[in-house]
Amino acid sequence: MDDKTAQFVCDLNVKRFVEELRSERDPGMRMSLKKLFVEAEDKFGRSTERVGNIERYIAEGGRRIASQKSLIERLKANGRDIRLTGRTLNNLVDIQRLFQQYYHKHA
């Protein structure tokens, strides 16, 4: 497999791990997904392109977190249950932390 193909596969894997982390609630499964994420990123994490991708993930994550916080505030204001949206926010923050830690390690 050439480098471009391997990097493409890595990108797909990272996206899949992040999607699964957004909704996964089991702590053991979350740890496994995080480990797989780090392993996938470690294969190509030092290239300029990979760092740029991580920067984009961080920016997108910031927007998702802001949107989720806004949703929670609207639900609270209307007296709605926010447990599920709160768990989703926690997952988003956890993913964001993972990307930021990885970025600071490799940038």
PDB file of N, CA and C in Angstrom:
ATOM      1  N   MET A   1       0.854  -1.166   0.000  1.00  0.00           N
ATOM      2  CA  MET A   1       0.000   0.000   0.000  1.00  0.00           C
ATOM      3  C   MET A   1       0.905   1.236   0.000  1.00  0.00           C
ATOM      4  N   ASP A   2       0.656   2.173  -0.926  1.00  0.00           N
ATOM      5  CA  ASP A   2       1.488   3.374  -0.965  1.00  0.00           C
ATOM      6  C   ASP A   2       1.085   4.340   0.147  1.00  0.00           C
ATOM      7  N   ASP A   3       1.916   5.370   0.363  1.00  0.00           N
ATOM      8  CA  ASP A   3       1.697   6.307   1.472  1.00  0.00           C
ATOM      9  C   ASP A   3       0.369   7.041   1.374  1.00  0.00           C
ATOM     10  N   LYS A   4      -0.009   7.461   0.165  1.00  0.00           N
ATOM     11  CA  LYS A   4      -1.273   8.192   0.006  1.00  0.00           C
ATOM     12  C   LYS A   4      -2.468   7.311   0.338  1.00  0.00           C
ATOM     13  N   THR A   5      -2.438   6.068  -0.106  1.00  0.00           N
ATOM     14  CA  THR A   5      -3.525   5.135   0.192  1.00  0.00           C
ATOM     15  C   THR A   5      -3.577   4.845   1.684  1.00  0.00           C
ATOM     16  N   ALA A   6      -2.417   4.622   2.276  1.00  0.00           N
ATOM     17  CA  ALA A   6      -2.371   4.353   3.715  1.00  0.00           C
ATOM     18  C   ALA A   6      -2.880   5.546   4.505  1.00  0.00           C
ATOM     19  N   GLN A   7      -2.549   6.749   4.081  1.00  0.00           N
ATOM     20  CA  GLN A   7      -3.019   7.944   4.774  1.00  0.00           C
ATOM     21  C   GLN A   7      -4.532   8.094   4.613  1.00  0.00           C
ATOM     22  N   PHE A   8      -5.046   7.777   3.427  1.00  0.00           N
ATOM     23  CA  PHE A   8      -6.487   7.823   3.191  1.00  0.00           C
ATOM     24  C   PHE A   8      -7.212   6.856   4.131  1.00  0.00           C
ATOM     25  N   VAL A   9      -6.694   5.652   4.258  1.00  0.00           N
ATOM     26  CA  VAL A   9      -7.282   4.653   5.153  1.00  0.00           C
ATOM     27  C   VAL A   9      -7.217   5.142   6.595  1.00  0.00           C
ATOM     28  N   CYS A  10      -6.094   5.741   6.970  1.00  0.00           N
ATOM     29  CA  CYS A  10      -5.946   6.299   8.315  1.00  0.00           C
ATOM     30  C   CYS A  10      -7.013   7.365   8.568  1.00  0.00           C
ATOM     31  N   ASP A  11      -7.211   8.271   7.607  1.00  0.00           N
ATOM     32  CA  ASP A  11      -8.233   9.313   7.747  1.00  0.00           C
ATOM     33  C   ASP A  11      -9.622   8.712   7.952  1.00  0.00           C
ATOM     34  N   LEU A  12      -9.937   7.695   7.166  1.00  0.00           N
ATOM     35  CA  LEU A  12     -11.234   7.033   7.310  1.00  0.00           C
ATOM     36  C   LEU A  12     -11.382   6.400   8.689  1.00  0.00           C
ATOM     37  N   ASN A  13     -10.325   5.752   9.150  1.00  0.00           N
ATOM     38  CA  ASN A  13     -10.373   5.127  10.476  1.00  0.00           C
ATOM     39  C   ASN A  13     -10.564   6.165  11.567  1.00  0.00           C
ATOM     40  N   VAL A  14      -9.826   7.263  11.491  1.00  0.00           N
ATOM     41  CA  VAL A  14      -9.955   8.319  12.497  1.00  0.00           C
ATOM     42  C   VAL A  14     -11.386   8.852  12.518  1.00  0.00           C
ATOM     43  N   LYS A  15     -11.936   9.123  11.348  1.00  0.00           N
ATOM     44  CA  LYS A  15     -13.320   9.622  11.275  1.00  0.00           C
ATOM     45  C   LYS A  15     -14.293   8.625  11.900  1.00  0.00           C
ATOM     46  N   ARG A  16     -14.085   7.347  11.606  1.00  0.00           N
ATOM     47  CA  ARG A  16     -14.973   6.313  12.159  1.00  0.00           C
ATOM     48  C   ARG A  16     -14.851   6.253  13.678  1.00  0.00           C
ATOM     49  N   PHE A  17     -13.626   6.299  14.195  1.00  0.00           N
ATOM     50  CA  PHE A  17     -13.431   6.250  15.644  1.00  0.00           C
ATOM     51  C   PHE A  17     -14.083   7.450  16.318  1.00  0.00           C
ATOM     52  N   VAL A  18     -13.948   8.629  15.716  1.00  0.00           N
ATOM     53  CA  VAL A  18     -14.551   9.836  16.283  1.00  0.00           C
ATOM     54  C   VAL A  18     -16.073   9.724  16.268  1.00  0.00           C
ATOM     55  N   GLU A  19     -16.644   9.263  15.168  1.00  0.00           N
ATOM     56  CA  GLU A  19     -18.106   9.094  15.097  1.00  0.00           C
ATOM     57  C   GLU A  19     -18.591   8.148  16.191  1.00  0.00           C
ATOM     58  N   GLU A  20     -17.883   7.057  16.387  1.00  0.00           N
ATOM     59  CA  GLU A  20     -18.280   6.102  17.419  1.00  0.00           C
ATOM     60  C   GLU A  20     -18.108   6.694  18.812  1.00  0.00           C
ATOM     61  N   LEU A  21     -17.071   7.478  19.028  1.00  0.00           N
ATOM     62  CA  LEU A  21     -16.856   8.105  20.329  1.00  0.00           C
ATOM     63  C   LEU A  21     -17.946   9.114  20.670  1.00  0.00           C
ATOM     64  N   ARG A  22     -18.550   9.723  19.658  1.00  0.00           N
ATOM     65  CA  ARG A  22     -19.596  10.719  19.909  1.00  0.00           C
ATOM     66  C   ARG A  22     -20.803  10.117  20.630  1.00  0.00           C
ATOM     67  N   SER A  23     -21.079   8.852  20.365  1.00  0.00           N
ATOM     68  CA  SER A  23     -22.278   8.259  20.959  1.00  0.00           C
ATOM     69  C   SER A  23     -22.007   7.116  21.929  1.00  0.00           C
ATOM     70  N   GLU A  24     -20.792   6.612  21.960  1.00  0.00           N
ATOM     71  CA  GLU A  24     -20.484   5.461  22.827  1.00  0.00           C
ATOM     72  C   GLU A  24     -20.498   5.876  24.293  1.00  0.00           C
ATOM     73  N   ARG A  25     -21.205   5.096  25.123  1.00  0.00           N
ATOM     74  CA  ARG A  25     -21.309   5.422  26.540  1.00  0.00           C
ATOM     75  C   ARG A  25     -20.522   4.467  27.425  1.00  0.00           C
ATOM     76  N   ASP A  26     -20.188   3.299  26.903  1.00  0.00           N
ATOM     77  CA  ASP A  26     -19.460   2.315  27.692  1.00  0.00           C
ATOM     78  C   ASP A  26     -18.003   2.768  27.877  1.00  0.00           C
ATOM     79  N   PRO A  27     -17.553   2.953  29.118  1.00  0.00           N
ATOM     80  CA  PRO A  27     -16.182   3.434  29.357  1.00  0.00           C
ATOM     81  C   PRO A  27     -15.096   2.525  28.758  1.00  0.00           C
ATOM     82  N   GLY A  28     -15.268   1.231  28.833  1.00  0.00           N
ATOM     83  CA  GLY A  28     -14.289   0.311  28.275  1.00  0.00           C
ATOM     84  C   GLY A  28     -14.188   0.433  26.770  1.00  0.00           C
ATOM     85  N   MET A  29     -15.314   0.540  26.115  1.00  0.00           N
ATOM     86  CA  MET A  29     -15.331   0.704  24.660  1.00  0.00           C
ATOM     87  C   MET A  29     -14.741   2.054  24.268  1.00  0.00           C
ATOM     88  N   ARG A  30     -15.034   3.097  25.047  1.00  0.00           N
ATOM     89  CA  ARG A  30     -14.465   4.421  24.778  1.00  0.00           C
ATOM     90  C   ARG A  30     -12.936   4.378  24.862  1.00  0.00           C
ATOM     91  N   MET A  31     -12.411   3.686  25.855  1.00  0.00           N
ATOM     92  CA  MET A  31     -10.961   3.576  25.997  1.00  0.00           C
ATOM     93  C   MET A  31     -10.362   2.845  24.794  1.00  0.00           C
ATOM     94  N   SER A  32     -11.029   1.785  24.347  1.00  0.00           N
ATOM     95  CA  SER A  32     -10.553   1.040  23.179  1.00  0.00           C
ATOM     96  C   SER A  32     -10.550   1.919  21.930  1.00  0.00           C
ATOM     97  N   LEU A  33     -11.605   2.694  21.749  1.00  0.00           N
ATOM     98  CA  LEU A  33     -11.695   3.580  20.594  1.00  0.00           C
ATOM     99  C   LEU A  33     -10.616   4.663  20.646  1.00  0.00           C
ATOM    100  N   LYS A  34     -10.356   5.191  21.832  1.00  0.00           N
ATOM    101  CA  LYS A  34      -9.299   6.195  21.972  1.00  0.00           C
ATOM    102  C   LYS A  34      -7.941   5.599  21.633  1.00  0.00           C
ATOM    103  N   LYS A  35      -7.705   4.379  22.090  1.00  0.00           N
ATOM    104  CA  LYS A  35      -6.438   3.717  21.796  1.00  0.00           C
ATOM    105  C   LYS A  35      -6.290   3.515  20.294  1.00  0.00           C
ATOM    106  N   LEU A  36      -7.352   3.075  19.627  1.00  0.00           N
ATOM    107  CA  LEU A  36      -7.314   2.886  18.176  1.00  0.00           C
ATOM    108  C   LEU A  36      -7.080   4.210  17.457  1.00  0.00           C
ATOM    109  N   PHE A  37      -7.713   5.270  17.956  1.00  0.00           N
ATOM    110  CA  PHE A  37      -7.505   6.603  17.384  1.00  0.00           C
ATOM    111  C   PHE A  37      -6.029   6.985  17.441  1.00  0.00           C
ATOM    112  N   VAL A  38      -5.436   6.864  18.622  1.00  0.00           N
ATOM    113  CA  VAL A  38      -4.034   7.248  18.799  1.00  0.00           C
ATOM    114  C   VAL A  38      -3.127   6.404  17.916  1.00  0.00           C
ATOM    115  N   GLU A  39      -3.390   5.103  17.836  1.00  0.00           N
ATOM    116  CA  GLU A  39      -2.577   4.233  16.987  1.00  0.00           C
ATOM    117  C   GLU A  39      -2.670   4.645  15.519  1.00  0.00           C
ATOM    118  N   ALA A  40      -3.890   4.973  15.074  1.00  0.00           N
ATOM    119  CA  ALA A  40      -4.077   5.393  13.686  1.00  0.00           C
ATOM    120  C   ALA A  40      -3.352   6.711  13.424  1.00  0.00           C
ATOM    121  N   GLU A  41      -3.495   7.662  14.317  1.00  0.00           N
ATOM    122  CA  GLU A  41      -2.843   8.959  14.140  1.00  0.00           C
ATOM    123  C   GLU A  41      -1.327   8.840  14.224  1.00  0.00           C
ATOM    124  N   ASP A  42      -0.829   7.960  15.069  1.00  0.00           N
ATOM    125  CA  ASP A  42       0.618   7.808  15.215  1.00  0.00           C
ATOM    126  C   ASP A  42       1.294   7.361  13.919  1.00  0.00           C
ATOM    127  N   LYS A  43       0.553   6.702  13.059  1.00  0.00           N
ATOM    128  CA  LYS A  43       1.137   6.249  11.798  1.00  0.00           C
ATOM    129  C   LYS A  43       1.532   7.414  10.898  1.00  0.00           C
ATOM    130  N   PHE A  44       0.760   8.523  10.962  1.00  0.00           N
ATOM    131  CA  PHE A  44       1.004   9.651  10.070  1.00  0.00           C
ATOM    132  C   PHE A  44       0.995  10.991  10.791  1.00  0.00           C
ATOM    133  N   GLY A  45       0.985  10.971  12.100  1.00  0.00           N
ATOM    134  CA  GLY A  45       0.766  12.173  12.894  1.00  0.00           C
ATOM    135  C   GLY A  45       1.797  13.268  12.779  1.00  0.00           C
ATOM    136  N   ARG A  46       2.961  13.002  12.290  1.00  0.00           N
ATOM    137  CA  ARG A  46       4.004  14.016  12.286  1.00  0.00           C
ATOM    138  C   ARG A  46       4.062  14.824  10.993  1.00  0.00           C
ATOM    139  N   SER A  47       3.298  14.457  10.016  1.00  0.00           N
ATOM    140  CA  SER A  47       3.338  15.202   8.758  1.00  0.00           C
ATOM    141  C   SER A  47       2.562  16.511   8.893  1.00  0.00           C
ATOM    142  N   THR A  48       2.945  17.476   8.086  1.00  0.00           N
ATOM    143  CA  THR A  48       2.278  18.780   8.098  1.00  0.00           C
ATOM    144  C   THR A  48       0.794  18.625   7.768  1.00  0.00           C
ATOM    145  N   GLU A  49       0.509  17.759   6.817  1.00  0.00           N
ATOM    146  CA  GLU A  49      -0.886  17.537   6.424  1.00  0.00           C
ATOM    147  C   GLU A  49      -1.708  16.971   7.578  1.00  0.00           C
ATOM    148  N   ARG A  50      -1.138  16.022   8.330  1.00  0.00           N
ATOM    149  CA  ARG A  50      -1.855  15.424   9.475  1.00  0.00           C
ATOM    150  C   ARG A  50      -2.130  16.481  10.530  1.00  0.00           C
ATOM    151  N   VAL A  51      -1.129  17.323  10.806  1.00  0.00           N
ATOM    152  CA  VAL A  51      -1.319  18.383  11.801  1.00  0.00           C
ATOM    153  C   VAL A  51      -2.426  19.324  11.335  1.00  0.00           C
ATOM    154  N   GLY A  52      -2.461  19.630  10.050  1.00  0.00           N
ATOM    155  CA  GLY A  52      -3.536  20.462   9.509  1.00  0.00           C
ATOM    156  C   GLY A  52      -4.892  19.810   9.670  1.00  0.00           C
ATOM    157  N   ASN A  53      -4.957  18.497   9.460  1.00  0.00           N
ATOM    158  CA  ASN A  53      -6.219  17.779   9.659  1.00  0.00           C
ATOM    159  C   ASN A  53      -6.661  17.849  11.114  1.00  0.00           C
ATOM    160  N   ILE A  54      -5.720  17.697  12.025  1.00  0.00           N
ATOM    161  CA  ILE A  54      -6.043  17.772  13.451  1.00  0.00           C
ATOM    162  C   ILE A  54      -6.554  19.172  13.791  1.00  0.00           C
ATOM    163  N   GLU A  55      -5.937  20.194  13.223  1.00  0.00           N
ATOM    164  CA  GLU A  55      -6.407  21.564  13.452  1.00  0.00           C
ATOM    165  C   GLU A  55      -7.854  21.731  12.989  1.00  0.00           C
ATOM    166  N   ARG A  56      -8.178  21.137  11.847  1.00  0.00           N
ATOM    167  CA  ARG A  56      -9.558  21.212  11.343  1.00  0.00           C
ATOM    168  C   ARG A  56     -10.517  20.454  12.265  1.00  0.00           C
ATOM    169  N   TYR A  57     -10.099  19.276  12.745  1.00  0.00           N
ATOM    170  CA  TYR A  57     -10.937  18.534  13.688  1.00  0.00           C
ATOM    171  C   TYR A  57     -11.178  19.354  14.952  1.00  0.00           C
ATOM    172  N   ILE A  58     -10.157  20.040  15.431  1.00  0.00           N
ATOM    173  CA  ILE A  58     -10.294  20.856  16.640  1.00  0.00           C
ATOM    174  C   ILE A  58     -11.266  22.002  16.396  1.00  0.00           C
ATOM    175  N   ALA A  59     -11.138  22.668  15.255  1.00  0.00           N
ATOM    176  CA  ALA A  59     -12.052  23.770  14.930  1.00  0.00           C
ATOM    177  C   ALA A  59     -13.492  23.268  14.810  1.00  0.00           C
ATOM    178  N   GLU A  60     -13.672  22.154  14.124  1.00  0.00           N
ATOM    179  CA  GLU A  60     -15.009  21.575  13.982  1.00  0.00           C
ATOM    180  C   GLU A  60     -15.551  21.155  15.346  1.00  0.00           C
ATOM    181  N   GLY A  61     -14.694  20.574  16.170  1.00  0.00           N
ATOM    182  CA  GLY A  61     -15.108  20.167  17.511  1.00  0.00           C
ATOM    183  C   GLY A  61     -15.546  21.348  18.348  1.00  0.00           C
ATOM    184  N   GLY A  62     -14.841  22.462  18.230  1.00  0.00           N
ATOM    185  CA  GLY A  62     -15.238  23.669  18.960  1.00  0.00           C
ATOM    186  C   GLY A  62     -16.625  24.139  18.553  1.00  0.00           C
ATOM    187  N   ARG A  63     -16.903  24.075  17.248  1.00  0.00           N
ATOM    188  CA  ARG A  63     -18.242  24.468  16.762  1.00  0.00           C
ATOM    189  C   ARG A  63     -19.313  23.504  17.269  1.00  0.00           C
ATOM    190  N   ARG A  64     -19.014  22.211  17.274  1.00  0.00           N
ATOM    191  CA  ARG A  64     -19.987  21.228  17.753  1.00  0.00           C
ATOM    192  C   ARG A  64     -20.276  21.427  19.242  1.00  0.00           C
ATOM    193  N   ILE A  65     -19.230  21.695  20.009  1.00  0.00           N
ATOM    194  CA  ILE A  65     -19.399  21.912  21.445  1.00  0.00           C
ATOM    195  C   ILE A  65     -20.250  23.161  21.697  1.00  0.00           C
ATOM    196  N   ALA A  66     -19.955  24.240  20.985  1.00  0.00           N
ATOM    197  CA  ALA A  66     -20.738  25.472  21.144  1.00  0.00           C
ATOM    198  C   ALA A  66     -22.199  25.239  20.784  1.00  0.00           C
ATOM    199  N   SER A  67     -22.430  24.508  19.713  1.00  0.00           N
ATOM    200  CA  SER A  67     -23.799  24.201  19.293  1.00  0.00           C
ATOM    201  C   SER A  67     -24.524  23.354  20.338  1.00  0.00           C
ATOM    202  N   GLN A  68     -23.819  22.374  20.894  1.00  0.00           N
ATOM    203  CA  GLN A  68     -24.431  21.503  21.900  1.00  0.00           C
ATOM    204  C   GLN A  68     -24.746  22.290  23.170  1.00  0.00           C
ATOM    205  N   LYS A  69     -23.850  23.184  23.569  1.00  0.00           N
ATOM    206  CA  LYS A  69     -24.098  24.024  24.748  1.00  0.00           C
ATOM    207  C   LYS A  69     -25.314  24.911  24.526  1.00  0.00           C
ATOM    208  N   SER A  70     -25.431  25.456  23.325  1.00  0.00           N
ATOM    209  CA  SER A  70     -26.583  26.291  22.980  1.00  0.00           C
ATOM    210  C   SER A  70     -27.880  25.480  23.057  1.00  0.00           C
ATOM    211  N   LEU A  71     -27.841  24.264  22.537  1.00  0.00           N
ATOM    212  CA  LEU A  71     -29.009  23.382  22.599  1.00  0.00           C
ATOM    213  C   LEU A  71     -29.388  23.095  24.049  1.00  0.00           C
ATOM    214  N   ILE A  72     -28.414  22.813  24.875  1.00  0.00           N
ATOM    215  CA  ILE A  72     -28.686  22.525  26.284  1.00  0.00           C
ATOM    216  C   ILE A  72     -29.327  23.732  26.958  1.00  0.00           C
ATOM    217  N   GLU A  73     -28.824  24.913  26.680  1.00  0.00           N
ATOM    218  CA  GLU A  73     -29.404  26.118  27.276  1.00  0.00           C
ATOM    219  C   GLU A  73     -30.855  26.319  26.844  1.00  0.00           C
ATOM    220  N   ARG A  74     -31.142  26.079  25.564  1.00  0.00           N
ATOM    221  CA  ARG A  74     -32.525  26.201  25.075  1.00  0.00           C
ATOM    222  C   ARG A  74     -33.430  25.171  25.739  1.00  0.00           C
ATOM    223  N   LEU A  75     -32.931  23.933  25.860  1.00  0.00           N
ATOM    224  CA  LEU A  75     -33.730  22.895  26.509  1.00  0.00           C
ATOM    225  C   LEU A  75     -33.986  23.230  27.970  1.00  0.00           C
ATOM    226  N   LYS A  76     -32.958  23.701  28.671  1.00  0.00           N
ATOM    227  CA  LYS A  76     -33.116  24.100  30.078  1.00  0.00           C
ATOM    228  C   LYS A  76     -34.158  25.198  30.211  1.00  0.00           C
ATOM    229  N   ALA A  77     -34.058  26.205  29.331  1.00  0.00           N
ATOM    230  CA  ALA A  77     -34.985  27.338  29.381  1.00  0.00           C
ATOM    231  C   ALA A  77     -36.433  26.898  29.183  1.00  0.00           C
ATOM    232  N   ASN A  78     -36.616  25.806  28.464  1.00  0.00           N
ATOM    233  CA  ASN A  78     -37.962  25.293  28.215  1.00  0.00           C
ATOM    234  C   ASN A  78     -38.348  24.173  29.176  1.00  0.00           C
ATOM    235  N   GLY A  79     -37.536  23.966  30.207  1.00  0.00           N
ATOM    236  CA  GLY A  79     -37.847  22.960  31.217  1.00  0.00           C
ATOM    237  C   GLY A  79     -37.725  21.527  30.734  1.00  0.00           C
ATOM    238  N   ARG A  80     -36.905  21.294  29.725  1.00  0.00           N
ATOM    239  CA  ARG A  80     -36.759  19.958  29.147  1.00  0.00           C
ATOM    240  C   ARG A  80     -35.623  19.191  29.814  1.00  0.00           C
ATOM    241  N   ASP A  81     -35.659  17.893  29.677  1.00  0.00           N
ATOM    242  CA  ASP A  81     -34.620  17.004  30.207  1.00  0.00           C
ATOM    243  C   ASP A  81     -33.354  17.160  29.371  1.00  0.00           C
ATOM    244  N   ILE A  82     -32.233  17.374  30.042  1.00  0.00           N
ATOM    245  CA  ILE A  82     -30.974  17.587  29.317  1.00  0.00           C
ATOM    246  C   ILE A  82     -29.964  16.461  29.553  1.00  0.00           C
ATOM    247  N   ARG A  83     -30.398  15.369  30.136  1.00  0.00           N
ATOM    248  CA  ARG A  83     -29.437  14.295  30.431  1.00  0.00           C
ATOM    249  C   ARG A  83     -28.760  13.761  29.173  1.00  0.00           C
ATOM    250  N   LEU A  84     -29.525  13.451  28.157  1.00  0.00           N
ATOM    251  CA  LEU A  84     -28.945  12.903  26.924  1.00  0.00           C
ATOM    252  C   LEU A  84     -28.053  13.934  26.235  1.00  0.00           C
ATOM    253  N   THR A  85     -28.524  15.160  26.132  1.00  0.00           N
ATOM    254  CA  THR A  85     -27.709  16.195  25.496  1.00  0.00           C
ATOM    255  C   THR A  85     -26.466  16.499  26.323  1.00  0.00           C
ATOM    256  N   GLY A  86     -26.581  16.358  27.635  1.00  0.00           N
ATOM    257  CA  GLY A  86     -25.419  16.544  28.499  1.00  0.00           C
ATOM    258  C   GLY A  86     -24.384  15.455  28.287  1.00  0.00           C
ATOM    259  N   ARG A  87     -24.831  14.219  28.130  1.00  0.00           N
ATOM    260  CA  ARG A  87     -23.899  13.112  27.847  1.00  0.00           C
ATOM    261  C   ARG A  87     -23.214  13.322  26.498  1.00  0.00           C
ATOM    262  N   THR A  88     -23.989  13.776  25.538  1.00  0.00           N
ATOM    263  CA  THR A  88     -23.415  14.053  24.218  1.00  0.00           C
ATOM    264  C   THR A  88     -22.360  15.154  24.330  1.00  0.00           C
ATOM    265  N   LEU A  89     -22.656  16.195  25.096  1.00  0.00           N
ATOM    266  CA  LEU A  89     -21.680  17.264  25.298  1.00  0.00           C
ATOM    267  C   LEU A  89     -20.414  16.717  25.951  1.00  0.00           C
ATOM    268  N   ASN A  90     -20.570  15.885  26.956  1.00  0.00           N
ATOM    269  CA  ASN A  90     -19.400  15.290  27.608  1.00  0.00           C
ATOM    270  C   ASN A  90     -18.556  14.496  26.611  1.00  0.00           C
ATOM    271  N   ASN A  91     -19.216  13.745  25.733  1.00  0.00           N
ATOM    272  CA  ASN A  91     -18.489  12.980  24.711  1.00  0.00           C
ATOM    273  C   ASN A  91     -17.751  13.915  23.755  1.00  0.00           C
ATOM    274  N   LEU A  92     -18.407  14.996  23.349  1.00  0.00           N
ATOM    275  CA  LEU A  92     -17.772  15.950  22.442  1.00  0.00           C
ATOM    276  C   LEU A  92     -16.548  16.603  23.093  1.00  0.00           C
ATOM    277  N   VAL A  93     -16.691  16.958  24.355  1.00  0.00           N
ATOM    278  CA  VAL A  93     -15.569  17.573  25.082  1.00  0.00           C
ATOM    279  C   VAL A  93     -14.424  16.570  25.218  1.00  0.00           C
ATOM    280  N   ASP A  94     -14.755  15.319  25.467  1.00  0.00           N
ATOM    281  CA  ASP A  94     -13.743  14.274  25.592  1.00  0.00           C
ATOM    282  C   ASP A  94     -12.984  14.092  24.272  1.00  0.00           C
ATOM    283  N   ILE A  95     -13.706  14.080  23.166  1.00  0.00           N
ATOM    284  CA  ILE A  95     -13.080  13.972  21.846  1.00  0.00           C
ATOM    285  C   ILE A  95     -12.198  15.191  21.586  1.00  0.00           C
ATOM    286  N   GLN A  96     -12.703  16.371  21.923  1.00  0.00           N
ATOM    287  CA  GLN A  96     -11.934  17.590  21.718  1.00  0.00           C
ATOM    288  C   GLN A  96     -10.622  17.539  22.508  1.00  0.00           C
ATOM    289  N   ARG A  97     -10.703  17.089  23.731  1.00  0.00           N
ATOM    290  CA  ARG A  97      -9.508  16.971  24.570  1.00  0.00           C
ATOM    291  C   ARG A  97      -8.503  16.007  23.935  1.00  0.00           C
ATOM    292  N   LEU A  98      -9.001  14.912  23.392  1.00  0.00           N
ATOM    293  CA  LEU A  98      -8.148  13.925  22.747  1.00  0.00           C
ATOM    294  C   LEU A  98      -7.401  14.547  21.560  1.00  0.00           C
ATOM    295  N   PHE A  99      -8.130  15.272  20.715  1.00  0.00           N
ATOM    296  CA  PHE A  99      -7.493  15.931  19.575  1.00  0.00           C
ATOM    297  C   PHE A  99      -6.501  16.990  20.022  1.00  0.00           C
ATOM    298  N   GLN A 100      -6.859  17.776  21.040  1.00  0.00           N
ATOM    299  CA  GLN A 100      -5.952  18.823  21.510  1.00  0.00           C
ATOM    300  C   GLN A 100      -4.678  18.236  22.102  1.00  0.00           C
ATOM    301  N   GLN A 101      -4.806  17.174  22.871  1.00  0.00           N
ATOM    302  CA  GLN A 101      -3.622  16.524  23.433  1.00  0.00           C
ATOM    303  C   GLN A 101      -2.729  15.989  22.315  1.00  0.00           C
ATOM    304  N   TYR A 102      -3.359  15.373  21.350  1.00  0.00           N
ATOM    305  CA  TYR A 102      -2.592  14.830  20.237  1.00  0.00           C
ATOM    306  C   TYR A 102      -1.905  15.948  19.456  1.00  0.00           C
ATOM    307  N   TYR A 103      -2.631  17.047  19.238  1.00  0.00           N
ATOM    308  CA  TYR A 103      -2.071  18.179  18.500  1.00  0.00           C
ATOM    309  C   TYR A 103      -0.855  18.744  19.226  1.00  0.00           C
ATOM    310  N   HIS A 104      -0.982  18.976  20.513  1.00  0.00           N
ATOM    311  CA  HIS A 104       0.129  19.550  21.275  1.00  0.00           C
ATOM    312  C   HIS A 104       1.333  18.622  21.345  1.00  0.00           C
ATOM    313  N   LYS A 105       1.078  17.354  21.244  1.00  0.00           N
ATOM    314  CA  LYS A 105       2.169  16.376  21.266  1.00  0.00           C
ATOM    315  C   LYS A 105       2.928  16.368  19.936  1.00  0.00           C
ATOM    316  N   HIS A 106       2.230  16.630  18.830  1.00  0.00           N
ATOM    317  CA  HIS A 106       2.826  16.449  17.504  1.00  0.00           C
ATOM    318  C   HIS A 106       3.015  17.736  16.699  1.00  0.00           C
ATOM    319  N   ALA A 107       2.498  18.840  17.166  1.00  0.00           N
ATOM    320  CA  ALA A 107       2.616  20.079  16.376  1.00  0.00           C
ATOM    321  C   ALA A 107       3.989  20.696  16.491  1.00  0.00           C
TER     322      ALA A 107
END
